[in-house]
Protein backbone atom coordinates (compact mmCIF):
# COMPACT_ATOMS: atom_id res chain seq x y z
CA MET A 1 -42.56 10.68 -3.17
CA GLU A 2 -45.48 13.12 -3.41
CA CYS A 3 -46.37 16.27 -6.57
CA HIS A 4 -45.21 19.31 -4.21
CA VAL A 5 -47.94 21.25 -6.15
CA CYS A 6 -50.94 18.62 -6.15
CA GLY A 7 -49.87 16.21 -3.47
CA SER A 8 -50.62 13.28 -5.81
CA ASP A 9 -47.77 10.75 -6.73
CA ALA A 10 -45.13 12.49 -8.42
CA SER A 11 -43.55 10.75 -11.49
CA ARG A 12 -40.75 13.21 -12.31
CA GLU A 13 -38.62 16.16 -10.95
CA ALA A 14 -38.49 19.38 -12.26
CA LEU A 15 -37.00 23.18 -11.91
CA VAL A 16 -39.90 25.49 -10.41
CA GLU A 17 -38.74 28.97 -9.92
CA GLY A 18 -35.18 27.63 -9.68
CA ALA A 19 -35.91 24.81 -6.98
CA ARG A 20 -35.69 21.41 -7.15
CA VAL A 21 -39.47 20.10 -6.73
CA PHE A 22 -41.11 16.06 -7.47
CA LEU A 23 -44.49 16.92 -10.49
CA CYS A 24 -46.78 14.57 -11.23
CA PRO A 25 -47.57 14.62 -15.00
CA ARG A 26 -50.70 16.74 -14.48
CA CYS A 27 -48.61 19.65 -12.45
CA LEU A 28 -45.08 19.33 -14.95
CA HIS A 29 -46.25 21.99 -16.99
CA TYR A 30 -45.69 24.34 -14.07
CA GLY A 31 -41.90 23.47 -14.22
CA LYS A 32 -38.89 22.71 -16.38
CA PRO A 33 -38.79 18.98 -16.63
CA ILE A 34 -35.16 17.71 -15.61
CA GLU A 35 -33.61 15.32 -17.53
CA ARG A 36 -31.76 12.45 -15.13
CA GLU A 37 -27.95 12.62 -16.45
CA ARG A 38 -26.37 9.71 -17.26
CA LYS A 39 -23.55 8.92 -15.86
CA PRO A 40 -21.21 7.19 -18.78
CA VAL A 41 -20.38 3.97 -17.66
CA VAL A 42 -16.62 3.14 -16.89
CA THR A 43 -15.15 0.23 -17.10
CA SER A 44 -12.04 -0.43 -15.34
CA ARG A 45 -9.34 -2.49 -16.47
CA HIS A 46 -9.28 -5.35 -14.02
CA ARG A 47 -5.68 -5.25 -12.29
CA PRO A 48 -4.83 -8.15 -10.01
CA GLU A 49 -4.07 -7.13 -7.24
CA ARG A 50 -1.01 -6.53 -5.64
CA PRO A 51 0.35 -7.66 -2.36
CA ALA A 52 1.44 -4.69 -0.67
CA ARG A 53 5.58 -4.45 0.11
CA GLU A 54 6.32 -3.94 3.39
CA LEU A 55 9.16 -1.76 3.09
CA ASN A 56 11.75 -1.27 5.99
CA VAL A 57 15.36 0.69 7.40
CA VAL A 58 18.21 -1.04 7.27
CA ASP A 59 20.34 -1.00 10.59
CA GLY A 60 23.32 0.72 10.80
CA TYR A 61 21.52 3.19 7.66
CA GLY A 62 23.23 6.27 10.29
CA LYS A 63 26.71 4.63 9.68
CA LYS A 64 25.77 4.10 6.02
CA ILE A 65 24.44 7.21 5.36
CA GLN A 66 27.55 9.64 7.46
CA ALA A 67 30.11 7.28 5.16
CA ALA A 68 28.74 7.85 1.78
CA ARG A 69 28.64 11.22 2.62
CA ASP A 70 31.86 11.73 3.61
CA LYS A 71 33.25 9.64 0.43
CA ARG A 72 31.32 12.71 -1.35
CA GLY A 73 33.41 15.06 0.43
CA GLN A 74 30.17 17.06 1.63
CA THR A 75 28.93 18.57 4.51
CA ARG A 76 25.83 18.15 6.75
CA GLN A 77 24.97 21.11 5.39
CA GLN A 78 24.84 20.85 2.32
CA LEU A 79 23.88 17.64 2.25
CA ALA A 80 20.97 19.04 4.02
CA ARG A 81 20.56 21.63 1.40
CA GLU A 82 20.69 19.22 -1.60
CA LEU A 83 17.81 16.77 0.02
CA PHE A 84 15.36 20.35 1.58
CA ILE A 85 16.09 18.85 4.94
CA ARG A 86 17.57 20.72 8.68
CA GLU A 87 20.89 19.67 9.35
CA ASN A 88 19.78 18.90 12.56
CA GLU A 89 17.69 16.44 11.47
CA LEU A 90 20.77 14.62 9.13
CA GLU A 91 22.71 15.23 11.87
CA ARG A 92 20.03 12.84 13.97
CA LEU A 93 20.05 10.44 11.10
CA GLU A 94 23.52 9.76 11.29
CA HIS A 95 23.46 9.04 14.82
CA GLU A 96 20.47 7.00 14.75
CA TRP A 97 18.54 9.26 17.09
CA MET A 98 16.02 9.26 14.26
CA ARG A 99 14.40 6.64 12.37
CA PRO A 100 13.42 7.61 8.13
CA ASP A 101 10.64 7.63 7.31
CA VAL A 102 10.25 5.35 3.40
CA LYS A 103 10.46 8.62 1.38
CA LEU A 104 13.34 9.99 3.17
CA ALA A 105 15.59 7.00 3.06
CA GLN A 106 14.09 7.06 -0.85
CA LYS A 107 15.70 10.47 -1.49
CA LEU A 108 18.65 9.40 0.92
CA GLU A 109 19.17 6.41 -1.54
CA LYS A 110 18.78 8.51 -4.32
CA ALA A 111 21.01 10.94 -3.58
CA LEU A 112 23.85 9.22 -2.05
CA GLN A 113 23.99 6.25 -4.44
CA ILE A 114 23.49 3.76 -0.98
CA GLN A 115 21.05 0.91 -0.28
CA LEU A 116 18.58 1.92 3.34
CA ILE A 117 15.46 0.82 2.45
CA GLU A 118 14.95 -3.34 2.77
CA ASP A 119 11.53 -5.26 1.03
CA VAL A 120 10.34 -7.49 4.07
CA SER A 121 7.67 -8.77 2.73
CA ARG A 122 10.28 -10.60 -0.14
CA LYS A 123 12.61 -11.67 2.96
CA ALA A 124 9.63 -12.79 4.72
CA LYS A 125 8.95 -15.36 1.74
CA SER A 126 12.43 -16.10 1.24
CA ASP A 127 12.42 -17.01 4.70
CA GLU A 128 9.33 -18.30 4.99
CA SER A 129 10.57 -20.75 1.99
CA GLU A 130 13.71 -22.08 3.86
CA GLU A 131 11.78 -22.74 6.84
CA GLN A 132 9.71 -24.86 4.19
CA SER A 133 12.57 -26.49 2.89
CA ALA A 134 14.16 -27.66 6.52
CA THR A 135 10.89 -28.89 7.47
CA LEU A 136 10.73 -30.90 4.28
CA LYS A 137 13.64 -32.97 5.20
CA PRO A 138 13.37 -36.03 6.52
CA ARG A 139 14.76 -36.79 9.67
CA LYS A 140 16.47 -39.80 10.76
CA ARG A 141 14.56 -41.92 13.37
CA SER A 142 15.05 -45.20 15.57
CA LYS A 143 11.41 -47.81 14.82
CA ALA A 144 9.91 -46.49 18.19
CA ASP A 145 10.12 -43.03 16.62
CA LEU A 146 7.92 -44.14 13.53
CA THR A 147 4.50 -41.66 13.24
CA LEU A 148 1.46 -42.84 11.27
CA ALA A 149 2.97 -40.45 8.22
CA ASP A 150 5.97 -42.31 8.43
CA ILE A 151 4.14 -45.96 7.93
CA ILE A 152 2.28 -44.94 4.85
CA ASP A 153 5.14 -43.62 2.97
CA VAL A 154 6.93 -46.59 3.59
CA LYS A 155 3.91 -48.20 1.89
CA VAL A 156 3.88 -46.12 -0.26
CA ASN A 157 7.32 -46.68 -0.89
CA GLU A 158 7.27 -50.83 -1.13
C-alpha cells in the first residue's frame, strides 16, 4: 500500500477528515490512527454431523385426515381456521389433489393426533439391512456351481 499523502510505503490506516486512508509513519500525524479491531475468537463446539433426515408424507394421507376430522366432529371450515389454512386447501388435501409440505403435515399431525410423516432415511436403512441379511444367507448349490468364494470357505471350515 502507498501512503495517500506522500506516496511512500504506508504502514497504518488512519482517519483524515473523516476518510479512512493508508499513511506512512511520517504522515501519521495528519490523521487519527485506527486501531485494528480484534475480533473475539469464537470457539465452536464440534457437533458430529448427523445425516439429513428425509421426511415423506405417507400414502393415503387424505383418508387419514378426513377420518380424523370426522372423528373429532369438525367441519372443514373449523379445522381450516384452527390450522390457519384455507378451507379449499384442506379439501384438496383430503381428496389428495394436493400433497402437503412437511410443515403443514406436522401441523395436521399435531392437531389431529395422527401419523402423516415417515422418515424415509430410516426406512431406507432398515430396507438395506434386510437386503444385506438376505444376501448373506448361504444358497444351496451343486458342485458344478462352485465359486472361488465357496472353495475358500470350504478350506477355512476344514
